[in-house]
Protein backbone atom coordinates (compact mmCIF):
# COMPACT_ATOMS: atom_id res chain seq x y z
CA MET A 1 79.77 138.63 117.69
CA ALA A 2 82.23 141.35 116.82
CA LYS A 3 85.83 140.52 116.01
CA PRO A 4 87.99 140.75 119.15
CA GLN A 5 90.17 143.85 119.12
CA ARG A 6 93.53 144.50 120.71
CA ALA A 7 93.95 147.32 123.24
CA GLU A 8 96.25 149.32 120.96
CA GLU A 9 93.51 149.31 118.29
CA LEU A 10 90.81 150.48 120.70
CA LEU A 11 92.73 153.17 122.58
CA PRO A 12 92.72 155.83 119.84
CA VAL A 13 88.99 155.30 119.40
CA VAL A 14 88.08 155.53 123.09
CA TYR A 15 90.87 157.77 124.44
CA ALA A 16 88.74 160.91 124.76
CA GLU A 17 86.00 159.01 126.53
CA LEU A 18 88.47 157.32 128.90
CA ARG A 19 90.02 160.69 129.69
CA ARG A 20 86.57 162.14 130.41
CA LEU A 21 85.80 159.23 132.73
CA ALA A 22 89.15 159.65 134.48
CA ALA A 23 88.45 163.36 134.97
CA GLN A 24 85.05 162.50 136.46
CA GLN A 25 86.65 160.02 138.85
CA LEU A 26 89.30 162.47 139.96
CA ALA A 27 86.73 165.24 140.37
CA LYS A 28 85.11 163.08 143.07
CA GLU A 29 88.37 163.17 145.01
CA LYS A 30 89.07 166.00 147.42
CA ARG A 31 92.08 168.28 147.35
CA GLY A 32 95.43 166.59 147.66
CA GLN A 33 94.91 164.16 144.77
CA THR A 34 98.17 163.92 142.89
CA LEU A 35 96.91 162.04 139.85
CA GLU A 36 95.84 163.89 136.73
CA PRO A 37 93.25 162.45 134.30
CA THR A 38 95.86 161.93 131.59
CA ALA A 39 98.17 160.06 133.97
CA LEU A 40 95.28 157.89 135.17
CA VAL A 41 94.30 157.00 131.58
CA HIS A 42 97.90 156.28 130.61
CA GLU A 43 98.50 154.10 133.66
CA ALA A 44 95.26 152.21 132.99
CA TYR A 45 96.28 151.78 129.34
CA MET A 46 99.66 150.38 130.34
CA ARG A 47 97.85 147.78 132.40
CA LEU A 48 95.41 146.99 129.61
CA ALA A 49 97.72 147.02 126.60
CA GLY A 50 99.87 144.04 127.26
CA VAL A 51 100.71 143.19 130.82
CA GLY A 52 103.64 140.80 130.99
CA GLY A 53 104.16 140.72 127.24
CA ARG A 54 100.72 139.28 126.49
CA THR A 55 98.24 141.20 124.37
CA GLN A 56 94.70 141.54 125.66
CA GLN A 57 91.75 140.91 123.36
CA TRP A 58 88.42 142.71 123.77
CA ASN A 59 85.15 141.22 122.54
CA SER A 60 83.19 144.47 122.74
CA ARG A 61 83.34 148.08 123.74
CA GLY A 62 81.66 147.14 127.02
CA HIS A 63 84.27 144.47 127.70
CA PHE A 64 87.04 147.04 127.18
CA PHE A 65 85.36 149.61 129.43
CA ALA A 66 84.81 146.99 132.14
CA ALA A 67 88.53 146.25 132.15
CA ALA A 68 89.35 149.97 132.05
CA ALA A 69 87.05 150.63 135.02
CA ARG A 70 88.71 147.87 137.00
CA ALA A 71 92.18 149.20 136.12
CA MET A 72 91.25 152.77 137.14
CA ARG A 73 89.78 151.49 140.42
CA CYS A 74 92.97 149.57 141.17
CA ILE A 75 95.16 152.58 140.39
CA LEU A 76 93.11 154.90 142.61
CA ILE A 77 93.14 152.37 145.45
CA GLU A 78 96.89 151.77 145.13
CA ASN A 79 97.47 155.52 145.16
CA ALA A 80 95.32 155.97 148.28
CA ARG A 81 97.07 153.09 150.05
CA LYS A 82 100.47 154.49 149.14
CA LYS A 83 99.56 157.92 150.51
CA LYS A 84 98.13 156.35 153.68
CA ARG A 85 101.26 154.25 154.17
CA LEU A 86 103.50 157.29 153.75
CA LYS A 87 101.38 159.34 156.15
CA ARG A 88 101.71 156.58 158.75
CA GLY A 89 105.50 156.69 158.73
CA GLY A 90 106.31 154.57 155.70
CA GLY A 91 109.85 154.37 154.40
CA GLY A 92 111.71 157.02 152.52
CA PRO A 93 112.71 160.56 153.36
CA ARG A 94 110.44 162.34 155.77
CA ARG A 95 108.86 165.53 154.56
CA VAL A 96 107.11 167.89 156.92
CA GLU A 97 103.93 169.41 155.58
CA LEU A 98 100.64 170.68 156.88
CA ALA A 99 98.05 167.95 157.00
CA ASP A 100 95.22 168.25 154.51
CA ALA A 101 92.34 166.79 156.51
CA ALA A 102 90.00 166.68 153.52
CA ALA A 103 92.43 164.65 151.43
CA THR A 104 93.01 162.20 154.29
CA GLN A 105 89.27 161.72 154.71
CA GLU A 106 88.87 161.12 150.97
CA ASP A 107 91.64 158.51 150.98
CA GLU A 108 89.95 156.78 153.91
CA ARG A 109 86.58 156.93 152.14
CA LEU A 110 88.07 155.47 148.96
CA LEU A 111 89.72 152.64 150.90
CA ASP A 112 86.49 151.98 152.81
CA LEU A 113 84.58 151.83 149.51
CA ASP A 114 87.15 149.43 148.08
CA GLU A 115 86.88 147.16 151.12
CA ALA A 116 83.07 147.22 150.96
CA LEU A 117 83.14 146.55 147.21
CA THR A 118 85.51 143.63 147.76
CA ARG A 119 83.13 142.19 150.37
CA LEU A 120 80.20 142.69 148.00
CA ALA A 121 82.13 140.93 145.21
CA ALA A 122 82.60 137.89 147.45
CA GLU A 123 78.83 137.76 148.01
CA ASP A 124 77.54 138.90 144.61
CA PRO A 125 80.16 139.34 141.87
CA ILE A 126 77.64 140.62 139.31
CA ALA A 127 76.45 143.39 141.65
CA ALA A 128 80.07 144.39 142.32
CA SER A 129 80.78 144.46 138.57
CA VAL A 130 77.75 146.69 137.98
CA VAL A 131 79.07 149.11 140.63
CA GLU A 132 82.52 149.15 139.02
CA LEU A 133 81.06 149.82 135.59
CA ARG A 134 78.71 152.54 136.77
CA HIS A 135 80.99 154.21 139.32
CA TYR A 136 84.42 153.86 137.73
CA ALA A 137 83.56 153.72 134.02
CA GLY A 138 80.43 155.89 134.07
CA LEU A 139 78.38 153.37 132.08
CA GLY A 140 74.58 153.33 132.13
CA HIS A 141 72.35 150.34 132.82
CA GLU A 142 72.17 149.38 129.15
CA GLU A 143 75.94 149.45 128.72
CA CYS A 144 76.46 147.52 131.97
CA ALA A 145 73.99 144.88 130.83
CA GLU A 146 75.78 144.53 127.51
CA ALA A 147 79.23 144.34 129.10
CA LEU A 148 78.11 141.69 131.60
CA GLY A 149 75.83 139.75 129.30
CA ILE A 150 72.75 140.27 131.47
CA THR A 151 69.39 141.93 130.93
CA ILE A 152 68.90 145.63 131.53
CA TYR A 153 66.34 144.76 134.20
CA ARG A 154 68.91 142.60 136.03
CA ALA A 155 71.56 145.34 135.75
CA ARG A 156 69.15 147.82 137.37
CA GLN A 157 68.20 145.28 140.01
CA LYS A 158 71.87 144.57 140.85
CA TRP A 159 72.60 148.32 140.98
CA GLU A 160 69.81 148.94 143.50
CA TYR A 161 70.86 145.95 145.59
CA ALA A 162 74.53 147.01 145.51
CA LYS A 163 73.73 150.58 146.57
CA ALA A 164 71.74 149.32 149.55
CA LYS A 165 74.36 146.73 150.51
CA LEU A 166 77.26 149.18 150.20
CA THR A 167 75.38 151.72 152.32
CA VAL A 168 75.07 149.13 155.09
CA LEU A 169 78.70 148.02 154.75
CA LEU A 170 80.01 151.59 154.76
CA ARG A 171 77.99 152.52 157.84
CA GLY A 172 79.69 149.69 159.69
CA SER A 173 83.19 150.96 158.84
């Protein structure tokens, strides 16, 4: 097994790849997205590098990317919830602007996906982890299998199951 590494040791090595993944994630969002890839990577790093004064240790590259994917997912969801809350009359100064229907639909879609993924995680945590790694971190089946400590066959099987299950859950929302 490789020596565990601290986040501040891994970031310089994987920064370009994390930024590319963040750009891919944000490219999936419609107009109105206020996050930039660099900001998303930096926010994810802040969460990974030592939350609450404790330093995280990573056993492998896959382990680090799994945590990074989860952090990016959380940031995107929090951002969508914040925008939704503000659009529904949340606190703070009121600003009048033309509604961007596409951005609102994307926020709703992202929140629906998060809810469906949370429901999937309650039923099958491995399948939900495979979705996070593939969708949010852009990892392939082999990398997912390594990060989760499962076979490549099982990673593919969980991916197919998760896609089918999420399709059903998202149709119901």
